[in-house]
Protein backbone atom coordinates (compact mmCIF):
# COMPACT_ATOMS: atom_id res chain seq x y z
CA MET A 1 75.41 127.18 94.44
CA SER A 2 79.18 126.97 94.10
CA PHE A 3 81.47 126.65 97.10
CA GLN A 4 82.91 130.13 96.50
CA THR A 5 79.40 131.62 96.25
CA VAL A 6 78.36 129.96 99.51
CA LEU A 7 81.40 131.38 101.31
CA GLU A 8 80.81 134.88 99.94
CA THR A 9 77.08 134.71 100.74
CA ALA A 10 77.78 133.63 104.31
CA LEU A 11 80.23 136.50 104.76
CA PHE A 12 77.85 139.05 103.25
CA GLN A 13 74.66 137.89 104.98
CA ARG A 14 76.40 136.90 108.23
CA VAL A 15 74.37 133.71 108.40
CA ILE A 16 74.94 130.06 107.51
CA THR A 17 71.91 127.91 106.73
CA PRO A 18 71.96 124.13 107.22
CA GLU A 19 72.24 123.70 103.43
CA MET A 20 75.19 126.08 103.26
CA LYS A 21 76.87 124.31 106.19
CA ALA A 22 76.49 120.94 104.46
CA LEU A 23 77.99 122.26 101.22
CA ILE A 24 80.91 123.88 103.06
CA GLU A 25 81.66 120.68 105.00
CA MET A 26 81.41 118.51 101.88
CA SER A 27 83.59 120.85 99.81
CA VAL A 28 86.31 121.14 102.43
CA ASP A 29 86.46 117.35 102.79
CA LYS A 30 86.31 116.45 99.09
CA ARG A 31 88.41 118.92 97.12
CA ASP A 32 91.57 120.98 96.97
CA LEU A 33 90.85 124.62 97.71
CA ASN A 34 92.29 127.49 95.71
CA GLU A 35 93.88 130.50 97.38
CA GLN A 36 90.74 132.66 97.17
CA GLU A 37 88.61 129.91 98.75
CA ILE A 38 91.16 129.44 101.53
CA ASN A 39 91.16 133.18 102.24
CA CYS A 40 87.34 133.34 102.33
CA LEU A 41 87.21 130.26 104.56
CA ALA A 42 89.78 131.79 106.93
CA LEU A 43 87.77 135.01 107.16
CA LEU A 44 84.55 133.07 107.69
CA THR A 45 86.20 131.00 110.42
CA SER A 46 87.47 134.07 112.26
CA GLN A 47 84.04 135.71 112.08
CA LEU A 48 82.38 132.53 113.34
CA GLU A 49 84.81 132.38 116.27
CA ALA A 50 84.05 136.03 117.06
CA GLY A 51 80.31 135.33 117.06
CA GLU A 52 79.73 137.64 114.11
CA ILE A 53 78.00 134.99 111.97
CA LEU A 54 74.87 133.08 112.93
CA VAL A 55 74.68 129.36 112.19
CA MET A 56 71.03 128.44 111.78
CA PRO A 57 70.00 125.20 113.52
CA VAL A 58 68.75 122.25 111.52
């Protein structure tokens, strides 16, 4: 699954699985993000802070 797809899936399903979390962390650390990825990540972050997205435990 691509980084963009993971972000969009998390936003749509309102859940982040351990596998998705690992891919997000790895992608943010290892690559330059394009504007669309930055916008999705910002939206995901704000929804996480608001408690609107569930992060599944490992």
